[in-house]
Amino acid sequence: MKILGIETSTQKGSIALMDRATLVKELPLSAALNKHAERLLPQIDILLKETGTAPSDLAAIAVSIGPGSFTGLRVGLATAKGLAYALGLPLLPVSTLRAMALPFCHTQKAITPMMVARKGEVYWALFLPQEKDLIQLYPDSVSTVEEALAQIREIMAHQPQQEVLLVGEGVAGVTEVAGPTASAVAECGRLQMIKGEQKSPEEVLPFYLADFVPRKSSP
């Protein structure tokens, strides 16, 4: 079961090919967010050619749907939908925060991924590891770091033996510096597919969490 993973929610976008639980290859997009649109399809073509994979070999496409960059998410999801329609494949919509947390499920600690949002806020959630997967204790949210930590302390007060691992980039106080990757998106998608949670392209929408505020152009 081969799954193409697409991650464009941050500046460090990437794509990956997973075959069951094995990473075949992962490639960075290596471009600014506004360049993801022109880099994404050519990189996917390179990935498939370098791994000897025909489009017909794919079982599904996993794509991060947010939170994250509004521009990046739109580009990634539009590309994933276009490929899914063209190839007749299901989509596996993956929370960016879940993709950030999954690589750390082996730690047996509660995991809080954090991403920088706007206006001094962060996107965050809270997960517990369970058999190489995750149970979500608190939904994807946006708040200040202080508000997030206060909420986490309140939740974890009922689980006093559980340590909390903070994961993210650009957030003061995080324990592990790591961002979302396409391989983690693909693995999250694989776990969803096993549970029968795949979607048709028209069912999948971006999950922005925060309201879009257009940037003012310079005079």
N, C-alpha and C. Protein backbone atom coordinates (compact mmCIF):
# COMPACT_ATOMS: atom_id res chain seq x y z
N MET A 1 0.85 -1.19 0.00
CA MET A 1 0.00 0.00 0.00
C MET A 1 0.89 1.24 0.00
N LYS A 2 1.00 1.91 -1.13
CA LYS A 2 1.85 3.08 -1.25
C LYS A 2 1.02 4.35 -1.09
N ILE A 3 1.53 5.25 -0.25
CA ILE A 3 0.83 6.51 0.03
C ILE A 3 1.77 7.67 -0.23
N LEU A 4 1.29 8.63 -0.98
CA LEU A 4 2.03 9.87 -1.22
C LEU A 4 1.66 10.87 -0.14
N GLY A 5 2.66 11.41 0.56
CA GLY A 5 2.41 12.41 1.59
C GLY A 5 2.81 13.79 1.12
N ILE A 6 1.97 14.79 1.39
CA ILE A 6 2.23 16.17 0.99
C ILE A 6 2.11 17.07 2.22
N GLU A 7 3.18 17.84 2.50
CA GLU A 7 3.18 18.74 3.65
C GLU A 7 3.60 20.13 3.20
N THR A 8 2.68 21.09 3.24
CA THR A 8 2.99 22.45 2.79
C THR A 8 2.51 23.51 3.79
N SER A 9 2.33 23.12 5.04
CA SER A 9 1.78 24.05 6.03
C SER A 9 2.82 25.03 6.55
N THR A 10 4.11 24.76 6.29
CA THR A 10 5.19 25.63 6.77
C THR A 10 6.16 25.94 5.64
N GLN A 11 7.13 26.78 5.95
CA GLN A 11 8.16 27.15 4.99
C GLN A 11 8.94 25.92 4.52
N LYS A 12 9.15 24.96 5.41
CA LYS A 12 9.91 23.75 5.09
C LYS A 12 8.97 22.66 4.59
N GLY A 13 8.36 22.88 3.46
CA GLY A 13 7.47 21.87 2.89
C GLY A 13 8.23 20.65 2.41
N SER A 14 7.51 19.55 2.25
CA SER A 14 8.16 18.32 1.78
C SER A 14 7.11 17.39 1.19
N ILE A 15 7.60 16.37 0.48
CA ILE A 15 6.75 15.29 -0.02
C ILE A 15 7.43 13.98 0.31
N ALA A 16 6.66 12.91 0.42
CA ALA A 16 7.24 11.63 0.79
C ALA A 16 6.41 10.49 0.20
N LEU A 17 7.08 9.37 0.01
CA LEU A 17 6.40 8.15 -0.42
C LEU A 17 6.59 7.09 0.65
N MET A 18 5.48 6.55 1.15
CA MET A 18 5.51 5.47 2.13
C MET A 18 4.97 4.21 1.47
N ASP A 19 5.60 3.08 1.76
CA ASP A 19 5.10 1.77 1.34
C ASP A 19 4.79 0.99 2.60
N ARG A 20 3.51 0.88 2.91
CA ARG A 20 3.07 0.38 4.22
C ARG A 20 3.69 1.27 5.29
N ALA A 21 4.42 0.71 6.26
CA ALA A 21 4.99 1.54 7.32
C ALA A 21 6.43 1.96 7.05
N THR A 22 6.90 1.73 5.84
CA THR A 22 8.29 2.02 5.50
C THR A 22 8.40 3.27 4.64
N LEU A 23 9.28 4.18 5.04
CA LEU A 23 9.53 5.37 4.23
C LEU A 23 10.40 4.98 3.05
N VAL A 24 9.92 5.21 1.85
CA VAL A 24 10.68 4.91 0.64
C VAL A 24 11.63 6.07 0.32
N LYS A 25 11.09 7.29 0.33
CA LYS A 25 11.91 8.47 0.03
C LYS A 25 11.15 9.73 0.41
N GLU A 26 11.89 10.72 0.86
CA GLU A 26 11.31 12.02 1.20
C GLU A 26 12.14 13.12 0.56
N LEU A 27 11.47 14.11 -0.02
CA LEU A 27 12.15 15.21 -0.68
C LEU A 27 11.65 16.54 -0.12
N PRO A 28 12.56 17.50 0.12
CA PRO A 28 12.13 18.83 0.54
C PRO A 28 11.64 19.63 -0.66
N LEU A 29 10.78 20.59 -0.39
CA LEU A 29 10.36 21.49 -1.47
C LEU A 29 11.39 22.59 -1.67
N SER A 30 12.11 22.92 -0.59
CA SER A 30 13.22 23.88 -0.69
C SER A 30 12.82 25.16 -1.41
N ALA A 31 11.72 25.75 -0.98
CA ALA A 31 11.26 26.99 -1.62
C ALA A 31 10.43 27.79 -0.64
N ALA A 32 10.34 29.09 -0.89
CA ALA A 32 9.48 29.93 -0.08
C ALA A 32 8.03 29.50 -0.27
N LEU A 33 7.19 29.84 0.71
CA LEU A 33 5.78 29.42 0.66
C LEU A 33 5.11 29.81 -0.65
N ASN A 34 5.44 31.02 -1.15
CA ASN A 34 4.79 31.46 -2.39
C ASN A 34 5.34 30.74 -3.62
N LYS A 35 6.37 29.91 -3.43
CA LYS A 35 6.93 29.12 -4.53
C LYS A 35 6.48 27.66 -4.48
N HIS A 36 5.77 27.26 -3.41
CA HIS A 36 5.32 25.87 -3.30
C HIS A 36 4.48 25.46 -4.50
N ALA A 37 3.67 26.39 -5.01
CA ALA A 37 2.77 26.06 -6.11
C ALA A 37 3.54 25.60 -7.35
N GLU A 38 4.67 26.26 -7.63
CA GLU A 38 5.42 25.89 -8.83
C GLU A 38 6.40 24.75 -8.59
N ARG A 39 6.72 24.47 -7.34
CA ARG A 39 7.69 23.41 -7.02
C ARG A 39 7.03 22.06 -6.75
N LEU A 40 5.78 22.07 -6.31
CA LEU A 40 5.17 20.86 -5.78
C LEU A 40 5.02 19.75 -6.81
N LEU A 41 4.35 20.03 -7.91
CA LEU A 41 4.13 18.99 -8.93
C LEU A 41 5.44 18.47 -9.54
N PRO A 42 6.39 19.36 -9.90
CA PRO A 42 7.66 18.84 -10.41
C PRO A 42 8.39 17.94 -9.42
N GLN A 43 8.34 18.29 -8.12
CA GLN A 43 9.00 17.46 -7.12
C GLN A 43 8.30 16.11 -6.95
N ILE A 44 6.97 16.11 -7.05
CA ILE A 44 6.23 14.85 -6.98
C ILE A 44 6.62 13.96 -8.16
N ASP A 45 6.75 14.56 -9.33
CA ASP A 45 7.17 13.80 -10.51
C ASP A 45 8.56 13.20 -10.31
N ILE A 46 9.47 13.99 -9.74
CA ILE A 46 10.83 13.50 -9.46
C ILE A 46 10.78 12.36 -8.45
N LEU A 47 9.99 12.53 -7.39
CA LEU A 47 9.88 11.50 -6.36
C LEU A 47 9.40 10.17 -6.94
N LEU A 48 8.37 10.23 -7.75
CA LEU A 48 7.83 9.00 -8.33
C LEU A 48 8.84 8.35 -9.27
N LYS A 49 9.52 9.15 -10.09
CA LYS A 49 10.50 8.60 -11.03
C LYS A 49 11.69 7.99 -10.30
N GLU A 50 12.18 8.67 -9.26
CA GLU A 50 13.35 8.19 -8.53
C GLU A 50 13.06 6.92 -7.74
N THR A 51 11.81 6.70 -7.40
CA THR A 51 11.44 5.50 -6.64
C THR A 51 10.83 4.42 -7.53
N GLY A 52 10.79 4.68 -8.84
CA GLY A 52 10.22 3.70 -9.76
C GLY A 52 8.75 3.44 -9.51
N THR A 53 8.04 4.49 -9.12
CA THR A 53 6.62 4.37 -8.78
C THR A 53 5.76 4.98 -9.86
N ALA A 54 4.82 4.22 -10.37
CA ALA A 54 3.85 4.75 -11.33
C ALA A 54 2.68 5.36 -10.54
N PRO A 55 2.05 6.40 -11.06
CA PRO A 55 0.89 6.96 -10.37
C PRO A 55 -0.16 5.91 -10.03
N SER A 56 -0.29 4.90 -10.90
CA SER A 56 -1.28 3.85 -10.67
C SER A 56 -0.90 2.94 -9.49
N ASP A 57 0.34 3.04 -9.00
CA ASP A 57 0.77 2.25 -7.85
C ASP A 57 0.27 2.83 -6.53
N LEU A 58 -0.13 4.09 -6.55
CA LEU A 58 -0.54 4.75 -5.31
C LEU A 58 -1.91 4.27 -4.85
N ALA A 59 -2.04 4.10 -3.53
CA ALA A 59 -3.32 3.70 -2.95
C ALA A 59 -4.11 4.89 -2.43
N ALA A 60 -3.39 5.98 -2.08
CA ALA A 60 -4.06 7.16 -1.53
C ALA A 60 -3.06 8.30 -1.45
N ILE A 61 -3.58 9.49 -1.19
CA ILE A 61 -2.74 10.68 -1.00
C ILE A 61 -3.06 11.27 0.37
N ALA A 62 -2.04 11.41 1.20
CA ALA A 62 -2.20 12.04 2.51
C ALA A 62 -1.71 13.48 2.41
N VAL A 63 -2.46 14.40 2.99
CA VAL A 63 -2.10 15.82 2.88
C VAL A 63 -2.39 16.52 4.20
N SER A 64 -1.48 17.40 4.61
CA SER A 64 -1.73 18.18 5.82
C SER A 64 -2.76 19.26 5.49
N ILE A 65 -3.76 19.39 6.36
CA ILE A 65 -4.84 20.34 6.11
C ILE A 65 -4.82 21.52 7.07
N GLY A 66 -3.86 21.54 8.00
CA GLY A 66 -3.74 22.66 8.91
C GLY A 66 -3.80 22.22 10.36
N PRO A 67 -3.52 23.17 11.22
CA PRO A 67 -3.27 24.59 10.95
C PRO A 67 -1.91 24.82 10.33
N GLY A 68 -1.71 26.07 9.91
CA GLY A 68 -0.45 26.44 9.28
C GLY A 68 -0.64 27.61 8.35
N SER A 69 0.30 27.78 7.44
CA SER A 69 0.24 28.87 6.48
C SER A 69 -0.98 28.75 5.58
N PHE A 70 -1.78 29.80 5.51
CA PHE A 70 -2.97 29.77 4.66
C PHE A 70 -2.60 29.51 3.21
N THR A 71 -1.57 30.20 2.73
CA THR A 71 -1.13 30.03 1.34
C THR A 71 -0.64 28.61 1.10
N GLY A 72 0.23 28.14 1.98
CA GLY A 72 0.78 26.79 1.83
C GLY A 72 -0.28 25.71 1.85
N LEU A 73 -1.22 25.84 2.78
CA LEU A 73 -2.29 24.83 2.89
C LEU A 73 -3.15 24.79 1.64
N ARG A 74 -3.46 25.97 1.10
CA ARG A 74 -4.29 26.02 -0.11
C ARG A 74 -3.57 25.34 -1.28
N VAL A 75 -2.27 25.60 -1.40
CA VAL A 75 -1.49 25.01 -2.50
C VAL A 75 -1.43 23.50 -2.35
N GLY A 76 -1.09 23.03 -1.16
CA GLY A 76 -0.97 21.59 -0.93
C GLY A 76 -2.27 20.85 -1.16
N LEU A 77 -3.36 21.41 -0.63
CA LEU A 77 -4.64 20.74 -0.75
C LEU A 77 -5.16 20.77 -2.19
N ALA A 78 -4.96 21.89 -2.87
CA ALA A 78 -5.39 21.97 -4.27
C ALA A 78 -4.66 20.94 -5.12
N THR A 79 -3.36 20.80 -4.88
CA THR A 79 -2.57 19.81 -5.63
C THR A 79 -3.02 18.40 -5.30
N ALA A 80 -3.20 18.12 -4.02
CA ALA A 80 -3.63 16.78 -3.59
C ALA A 80 -5.00 16.43 -4.18
N LYS A 81 -5.91 17.39 -4.18
CA LYS A 81 -7.24 17.14 -4.74
C LYS A 81 -7.17 16.89 -6.24
N GLY A 82 -6.36 17.70 -6.94
CA GLY A 82 -6.22 17.52 -8.37
C GLY A 82 -5.69 16.14 -8.73
N LEU A 83 -4.68 15.69 -7.99
CA LEU A 83 -4.12 14.36 -8.23
C LEU A 83 -5.13 13.26 -7.87
N ALA A 84 -5.83 13.45 -6.76
CA ALA A 84 -6.81 12.45 -6.33
C ALA A 84 -7.92 12.30 -7.35
N TYR A 85 -8.42 13.42 -7.88
CA TYR A 85 -9.45 13.36 -8.92
C TYR A 85 -8.92 12.67 -10.18
N ALA A 86 -7.72 13.06 -10.60
CA ALA A 86 -7.16 12.53 -11.84
C ALA A 86 -6.86 11.04 -11.76
N LEU A 87 -6.44 10.59 -10.57
CA LEU A 87 -6.05 9.18 -10.41
C LEU A 87 -7.13 8.32 -9.78
N GLY A 88 -8.24 8.95 -9.39
CA GLY A 88 -9.32 8.20 -8.75
C GLY A 88 -8.93 7.65 -7.38
N LEU A 89 -8.17 8.46 -6.60
CA LEU A 89 -7.67 8.02 -5.31
C LEU A 89 -8.39 8.72 -4.16
N PRO A 90 -8.47 8.07 -3.00
CA PRO A 90 -9.01 8.74 -1.82
C PRO A 90 -7.98 9.69 -1.23
N LEU A 91 -8.47 10.69 -0.48
CA LEU A 91 -7.60 11.60 0.24
C LEU A 91 -7.60 11.25 1.72
N LEU A 92 -6.46 11.46 2.36
CA LEU A 92 -6.31 11.23 3.79
C LEU A 92 -5.94 12.57 4.43
N PRO A 93 -6.92 13.34 4.94
CA PRO A 93 -6.63 14.65 5.52
C PRO A 93 -6.00 14.50 6.90
N VAL A 94 -4.85 15.14 7.10
CA VAL A 94 -4.09 14.97 8.33
C VAL A 94 -3.88 16.32 9.03
N SER A 95 -4.18 16.36 10.31
CA SER A 95 -3.87 17.55 11.11
C SER A 95 -2.36 17.76 11.14
N THR A 96 -1.93 18.99 10.89
CA THR A 96 -0.51 19.30 10.96
C THR A 96 0.05 19.01 12.35
N LEU A 97 -0.73 19.30 13.39
CA LEU A 97 -0.27 19.08 14.76
C LEU A 97 -0.12 17.59 15.06
N ARG A 98 -1.03 16.78 14.55
CA ARG A 98 -0.91 15.33 14.74
C ARG A 98 0.36 14.82 14.05
N ALA A 99 0.63 15.33 12.86
CA ALA A 99 1.84 14.91 12.14
C ALA A 99 3.10 15.31 12.90
N MET A 100 3.06 16.44 13.59
CA MET A 100 4.21 16.84 14.39
C MET A 100 4.40 15.94 15.61
N ALA A 101 3.29 15.47 16.17
CA ALA A 101 3.36 14.67 17.41
C ALA A 101 3.72 13.21 17.16
N LEU A 102 3.27 12.64 16.04
CA LEU A 102 3.41 11.20 15.82
C LEU A 102 4.84 10.68 15.94
N PRO A 103 5.87 11.36 15.40
CA PRO A 103 7.22 10.81 15.52
C PRO A 103 7.72 10.64 16.95
N PHE A 104 7.03 11.25 17.91
CA PHE A 104 7.46 11.18 19.31
C PHE A 104 6.61 10.24 20.15
N CYS A 105 5.74 9.45 19.50
CA CYS A 105 4.85 8.58 20.28
C CYS A 105 5.62 7.48 21.01
N HIS A 106 6.87 7.20 20.58
CA HIS A 106 7.68 6.17 21.25
C HIS A 106 8.17 6.63 22.62
N THR A 107 8.08 7.94 22.93
CA THR A 107 8.61 8.46 24.18
C THR A 107 7.76 8.07 25.38
N GLN A 108 6.52 7.67 25.12
CA GLN A 108 5.57 7.35 26.19
C GLN A 108 5.28 8.55 27.10
N LYS A 109 5.45 9.75 26.55
CA LYS A 109 5.08 10.96 27.26
C LYS A 109 3.89 11.60 26.56
N ALA A 110 3.14 12.40 27.28
CA ALA A 110 2.11 13.21 26.63
C ALA A 110 2.84 14.19 25.70
N ILE A 111 2.27 14.47 24.54
CA ILE A 111 2.96 15.27 23.53
C ILE A 111 2.12 16.49 23.18
N THR A 112 2.75 17.66 23.27
CA THR A 112 2.10 18.91 22.88
C THR A 112 2.88 19.54 21.74
N PRO A 113 2.41 19.41 20.49
CA PRO A 113 3.04 20.13 19.38
C PRO A 113 2.58 21.58 19.39
N MET A 114 3.50 22.48 19.08
CA MET A 114 3.19 23.91 19.02
C MET A 114 3.75 24.51 17.76
N MET A 115 2.96 25.33 17.09
CA MET A 115 3.39 26.06 15.89
C MET A 115 3.11 27.54 16.10
N VAL A 116 4.02 28.37 15.63
CA VAL A 116 3.82 29.82 15.73
C VAL A 116 2.64 30.23 14.86
N ALA A 117 1.71 30.96 15.44
CA ALA A 117 0.59 31.52 14.69
C ALA A 117 0.85 33.03 14.57
N ARG A 118 -0.19 33.81 14.41
CA ARG A 118 -0.03 35.26 14.32
C ARG A 118 -0.40 35.92 15.64
N LYS A 119 0.00 37.17 15.78
CA LYS A 119 -0.38 37.99 16.93
C LYS A 119 0.09 37.38 18.25
N GLY A 120 1.29 36.81 18.27
CA GLY A 120 1.83 36.28 19.51
C GLY A 120 1.17 35.02 20.01
N GLU A 121 0.45 34.32 19.13
CA GLU A 121 -0.25 33.09 19.54
C GLU A 121 0.42 31.86 18.93
N VAL A 122 0.00 30.69 19.42
CA VAL A 122 0.50 29.42 18.89
C VAL A 122 -0.68 28.50 18.59
N TYR A 123 -0.49 27.64 17.61
CA TYR A 123 -1.39 26.52 17.38
C TYR A 123 -0.87 25.38 18.25
N TRP A 124 -1.75 24.65 18.89
CA TRP A 124 -1.29 23.56 19.75
C TRP A 124 -2.39 22.52 19.96
N ALA A 125 -1.99 21.37 20.45
CA ALA A 125 -2.93 20.30 20.81
C ALA A 125 -2.23 19.42 21.84
N LEU A 126 -2.93 18.43 22.35
CA LEU A 126 -2.35 17.53 23.35
C LEU A 126 -2.71 16.09 23.02
N PHE A 127 -1.69 15.24 22.97
CA PHE A 127 -1.87 13.84 22.59
C PHE A 127 -1.23 12.90 23.62
N LEU A 128 -1.77 11.70 23.71
CA LEU A 128 -1.15 10.61 24.45
C LEU A 128 -0.80 9.50 23.47
N PRO A 129 0.39 8.92 23.57
CA PRO A 129 0.76 7.82 22.67
C PRO A 129 0.01 6.54 23.04
N GLN A 130 -0.35 5.77 22.02
CA GLN A 130 -0.99 4.48 22.25
C GLN A 130 -0.68 3.54 21.09
N GLU A 131 0.16 2.55 21.34
CA GLU A 131 0.49 1.53 20.36
C GLU A 131 0.87 2.13 19.00
N LYS A 132 1.90 2.97 19.00
CA LYS A 132 2.43 3.61 17.79
C LYS A 132 1.44 4.54 17.11
N ASP A 133 0.41 4.94 17.84
CA ASP A 133 -0.58 5.89 17.34
C ASP A 133 -0.80 6.91 18.43
N LEU A 134 -1.79 7.77 18.27
CA LEU A 134 -2.03 8.85 19.23
C LEU A 134 -3.50 8.93 19.62
N ILE A 135 -3.74 9.23 20.88
CA ILE A 135 -5.07 9.59 21.36
C ILE A 135 -5.04 11.09 21.63
N GLN A 136 -6.01 11.83 21.10
CA GLN A 136 -6.02 13.27 21.28
C GLN A 136 -6.78 13.63 22.55
N LEU A 137 -6.06 14.25 23.51
CA LEU A 137 -6.67 14.66 24.77
C LEU A 137 -7.30 16.05 24.70
N TYR A 138 -6.75 16.90 23.83
CA TYR A 138 -7.27 18.26 23.68
C TYR A 138 -7.21 18.62 22.21
N PRO A 139 -8.27 19.22 21.67
CA PRO A 139 -8.35 19.47 20.23
C PRO A 139 -7.36 20.53 19.75
N ASP A 140 -7.13 20.54 18.45
CA ASP A 140 -6.30 21.57 17.83
C ASP A 140 -6.86 22.94 18.20
N SER A 141 -6.00 23.80 18.74
CA SER A 141 -6.45 25.08 19.29
C SER A 141 -5.46 26.18 18.96
N VAL A 142 -5.88 27.42 19.19
CA VAL A 142 -4.99 28.56 19.03
C VAL A 142 -5.15 29.46 20.25
N SER A 143 -4.02 29.85 20.85
CA SER A 143 -4.03 30.70 22.04
C SER A 143 -2.62 31.21 22.26
N THR A 144 -2.42 31.99 23.34
CA THR A 144 -1.06 32.35 23.72
C THR A 144 -0.38 31.12 24.33
N VAL A 145 0.94 31.16 24.39
CA VAL A 145 1.68 30.05 25.02
C VAL A 145 1.25 29.90 26.47
N GLU A 146 1.10 31.02 27.17
CA GLU A 146 0.72 30.97 28.58
C GLU A 146 -0.64 30.31 28.77
N GLU A 147 -1.60 30.65 27.91
CA GLU A 147 -2.93 30.04 28.01
C GLU A 147 -2.87 28.55 27.71
N ALA A 148 -2.05 28.18 26.71
CA ALA A 148 -1.91 26.77 26.37
C ALA A 148 -1.32 25.98 27.53
N LEU A 149 -0.25 26.50 28.14
CA LEU A 149 0.40 25.80 29.24
C LEU A 149 -0.53 25.67 30.45
N ALA A 150 -1.33 26.71 30.70
CA ALA A 150 -2.28 26.64 31.82
C ALA A 150 -3.32 25.55 31.57
N GLN A 151 -3.80 25.44 30.32
CA GLN A 151 -4.78 24.41 29.99
C GLN A 151 -4.16 23.02 30.10
N ILE A 152 -2.92 22.89 29.65
CA ILE A 152 -2.24 21.60 29.73
C ILE A 152 -2.05 21.18 31.18
N ARG A 153 -1.64 22.12 32.03
CA ARG A 153 -1.47 21.79 33.46
C ARG A 153 -2.77 21.31 34.07
N GLU A 154 -3.86 21.95 33.70
CA GLU A 154 -5.17 21.56 34.24
C GLU A 154 -5.54 20.14 33.80
N ILE A 155 -5.30 19.83 32.52
CA ILE A 155 -5.62 18.49 32.01
C ILE A 155 -4.73 17.43 32.65
N MET A 156 -3.44 17.73 32.73
CA MET A 156 -2.49 16.75 33.22
C MET A 156 -2.54 16.57 34.73
N ALA A 157 -3.24 17.45 35.42
CA ALA A 157 -3.41 17.28 36.87
C ALA A 157 -4.15 15.99 37.18
N HIS A 158 -4.91 15.50 36.20
CA HIS A 158 -5.65 14.24 36.39
C HIS A 158 -4.82 13.04 35.98
N GLN A 159 -3.60 13.30 35.48
CA GLN A 159 -2.69 12.22 35.10
C GLN A 159 -1.30 12.57 35.64
N PRO A 160 -1.15 12.57 36.98
CA PRO A 160 0.06 13.09 37.62
C PRO A 160 1.34 12.34 37.30
N GLN A 161 1.25 11.12 36.83
CA GLN A 161 2.45 10.35 36.52
C GLN A 161 2.96 10.59 35.09
N GLN A 162 2.25 11.37 34.33
CA GLN A 162 2.57 11.54 32.91
C GLN A 162 3.38 12.80 32.67
N GLU A 163 4.55 12.66 32.06
CA GLU A 163 5.35 13.82 31.66
C GLU A 163 4.82 14.38 30.35
N VAL A 164 5.11 15.67 30.10
CA VAL A 164 4.65 16.32 28.87
C VAL A 164 5.87 16.76 28.06
N LEU A 165 5.86 16.39 26.79
CA LEU A 165 6.92 16.77 25.86
C LEU A 165 6.39 17.86 24.95
N LEU A 166 7.06 19.02 24.92
CA LEU A 166 6.66 20.11 24.03
C LEU A 166 7.49 20.03 22.75
N VAL A 167 6.82 20.03 21.62
CA VAL A 167 7.46 19.84 20.32
C VAL A 167 7.10 21.01 19.41
N GLY A 168 8.07 21.57 18.72
CA GLY A 168 7.75 22.64 17.78
C GLY A 168 8.96 23.38 17.29
N GLU A 169 8.72 24.43 16.53
CA GLU A 169 9.77 25.29 16.00
C GLU A 169 9.42 26.75 16.29
N GLY A 170 10.38 27.49 16.76
CA GLY A 170 10.17 28.92 16.96
C GLY A 170 9.33 29.28 18.15
N VAL A 171 9.09 28.32 19.06
CA VAL A 171 8.30 28.58 20.26
C VAL A 171 9.21 28.44 21.47
N ALA A 172 9.31 29.48 22.27
CA ALA A 172 10.18 29.45 23.45
C ALA A 172 9.73 28.36 24.41
N GLY A 173 10.70 27.58 24.91
CA GLY A 173 10.39 26.58 25.93
C GLY A 173 10.11 25.20 25.40
N VAL A 174 10.11 25.00 24.07
CA VAL A 174 9.83 23.65 23.56
C VAL A 174 11.00 22.73 23.88
N THR A 175 10.69 21.47 24.12
CA THR A 175 11.70 20.48 24.48
C THR A 175 12.38 19.94 23.23
N GLU A 176 11.62 19.63 22.20
CA GLU A 176 12.15 19.09 20.96
C GLU A 176 11.84 20.05 19.81
N VAL A 177 12.87 20.45 19.07
CA VAL A 177 12.67 21.35 17.93
C VAL A 177 12.41 20.51 16.70
N ALA A 178 11.19 20.52 16.23
CA ALA A 178 10.80 19.71 15.08
C ALA A 178 9.54 20.28 14.45
N GLY A 179 9.50 20.26 13.13
CA GLY A 179 8.33 20.70 12.40
C GLY A 179 7.64 19.53 11.73
N PRO A 180 6.52 19.77 11.09
CA PRO A 180 5.80 18.69 10.40
C PRO A 180 6.57 18.22 9.16
N THR A 181 6.52 16.94 8.87
CA THR A 181 7.18 16.38 7.68
C THR A 181 6.18 15.59 6.86
N ALA A 182 6.46 15.47 5.58
CA ALA A 182 5.57 14.71 4.70
C ALA A 182 5.53 13.23 5.08
N SER A 183 6.66 12.70 5.57
CA SER A 183 6.68 11.28 5.97
C SER A 183 5.74 11.04 7.15
N ALA A 184 5.71 11.99 8.11
CA ALA A 184 4.79 11.86 9.23
C ALA A 184 3.34 12.02 8.77
N VAL A 185 3.11 12.92 7.81
CA VAL A 185 1.76 13.07 7.25
C VAL A 185 1.32 11.77 6.58
N ALA A 186 2.23 11.16 5.82
CA ALA A 186 1.90 9.89 5.15
C ALA A 186 1.62 8.78 6.15
N GLU A 187 2.41 8.73 7.23
CA GLU A 187 2.18 7.69 8.24
C GLU A 187 0.86 7.91 8.98
N CYS A 188 0.56 9.16 9.30
CA CYS A 188 -0.76 9.46 9.90
C CYS A 188 -1.87 9.03 8.96
N GLY A 189 -1.68 9.31 7.66
CA GLY A 189 -2.67 8.91 6.67
C GLY A 189 -2.83 7.40 6.60
N ARG A 190 -1.72 6.68 6.69
CA ARG A 190 -1.78 5.22 6.64
C ARG A 190 -2.60 4.68 7.82
N LEU A 191 -2.38 5.24 9.00
CA LEU A 191 -3.13 4.80 10.18
C LEU A 191 -4.61 5.12 10.02
N GLN A 192 -4.92 6.27 9.42
CA GLN A 192 -6.31 6.63 9.17
C GLN A 192 -6.95 5.66 8.17
N MET A 193 -6.18 5.30 7.14
CA MET A 193 -6.72 4.41 6.12
C MET A 193 -7.05 3.03 6.71
N ILE A 194 -6.21 2.57 7.62
CA ILE A 194 -6.46 1.28 8.28
C ILE A 194 -7.79 1.34 9.04
N LYS A 195 -8.10 2.52 9.60
CA LYS A 195 -9.34 2.71 10.35
C LYS A 195 -10.53 3.04 9.43
N GLY A 196 -10.29 3.11 8.11
CA GLY A 196 -11.36 3.43 7.18
C GLY A 196 -11.74 4.89 7.16
N GLU A 197 -10.78 5.78 7.45
CA GLU A 197 -11.08 7.21 7.57
C GLU A 197 -10.70 8.01 6.34
N GLN A 198 -10.55 7.35 5.19
CA GLN A 198 -10.25 8.10 3.97
C GLN A 198 -11.46 8.89 3.50
N LYS A 199 -11.21 9.95 2.73
CA LYS A 199 -12.27 10.84 2.25
C LYS A 199 -12.20 10.97 0.73
N SER A 200 -13.32 11.36 0.14
CA SER A 200 -13.30 11.73 -1.27
C SER A 200 -12.78 13.16 -1.35
N PRO A 201 -12.18 13.57 -2.48
CA PRO A 201 -11.59 14.91 -2.57
C PRO A 201 -12.54 16.05 -2.21
N GLU A 202 -13.79 15.93 -2.62
CA GLU A 202 -14.72 17.03 -2.36
C GLU A 202 -15.07 17.19 -0.89
N GLU A 203 -14.79 16.18 -0.08
CA GLU A 203 -15.10 16.25 1.35
C GLU A 203 -14.02 16.97 2.16
N VAL A 204 -12.85 17.16 1.60
CA VAL A 204 -11.71 17.65 2.36
C VAL A 204 -11.56 19.16 2.22
N LEU A 205 -11.48 19.85 3.36
CA LEU A 205 -11.32 21.30 3.39
C LEU A 205 -10.12 21.66 4.27
N PRO A 206 -9.49 22.81 4.03
CA PRO A 206 -8.40 23.22 4.91
C PRO A 206 -8.92 23.58 6.29
N PHE A 207 -8.09 23.36 7.31
CA PHE A 207 -8.46 23.64 8.69
C PHE A 207 -7.54 24.75 9.19
N TYR A 208 -8.01 25.99 9.05
CA TYR A 208 -7.15 27.13 9.33
C TYR A 208 -7.04 27.44 10.82
N LEU A 209 -8.08 27.22 11.59
CA LEU A 209 -8.16 27.54 13.02
C LEU A 209 -8.27 29.05 13.26
N ALA A 210 -7.30 29.82 12.77
CA ALA A 210 -7.35 31.27 12.94
C ALA A 210 -7.99 31.92 11.72
N ASP A 211 -8.58 33.10 11.92
CA ASP A 211 -9.17 33.82 10.80
C ASP A 211 -8.07 34.38 9.90
N PHE A 212 -8.35 34.40 8.61
CA PHE A 212 -7.38 34.93 7.65
C PHE A 212 -7.42 36.47 7.71
N VAL A 213 -6.25 37.06 7.90
CA VAL A 213 -6.12 38.52 7.90
C VAL A 213 -5.14 38.91 6.80
N PRO A 214 -5.60 39.53 5.73
CA PRO A 214 -4.69 39.89 4.63
C PRO A 214 -3.57 40.82 5.11
N ARG A 215 -2.37 40.57 4.62
CA ARG A 215 -1.26 41.43 4.95
C ARG A 215 -1.39 42.74 4.16
N LYS A 216 -1.10 43.88 4.82
CA LYS A 216 -1.15 45.16 4.13
C LYS A 216 0.08 45.33 3.26
N SER A 217 -0.15 45.76 2.03
CA SER A 217 0.97 45.97 1.14
C SER A 217 1.64 47.31 1.45
N SER A 218 2.91 47.40 1.16
CA SER A 218 3.66 48.64 1.41
C SER A 218 3.20 49.71 0.42
N PRO A 219 3.14 50.96 0.85
CA PRO A 219 2.74 52.03 -0.07
C PRO A 219 3.77 52.26 -1.15
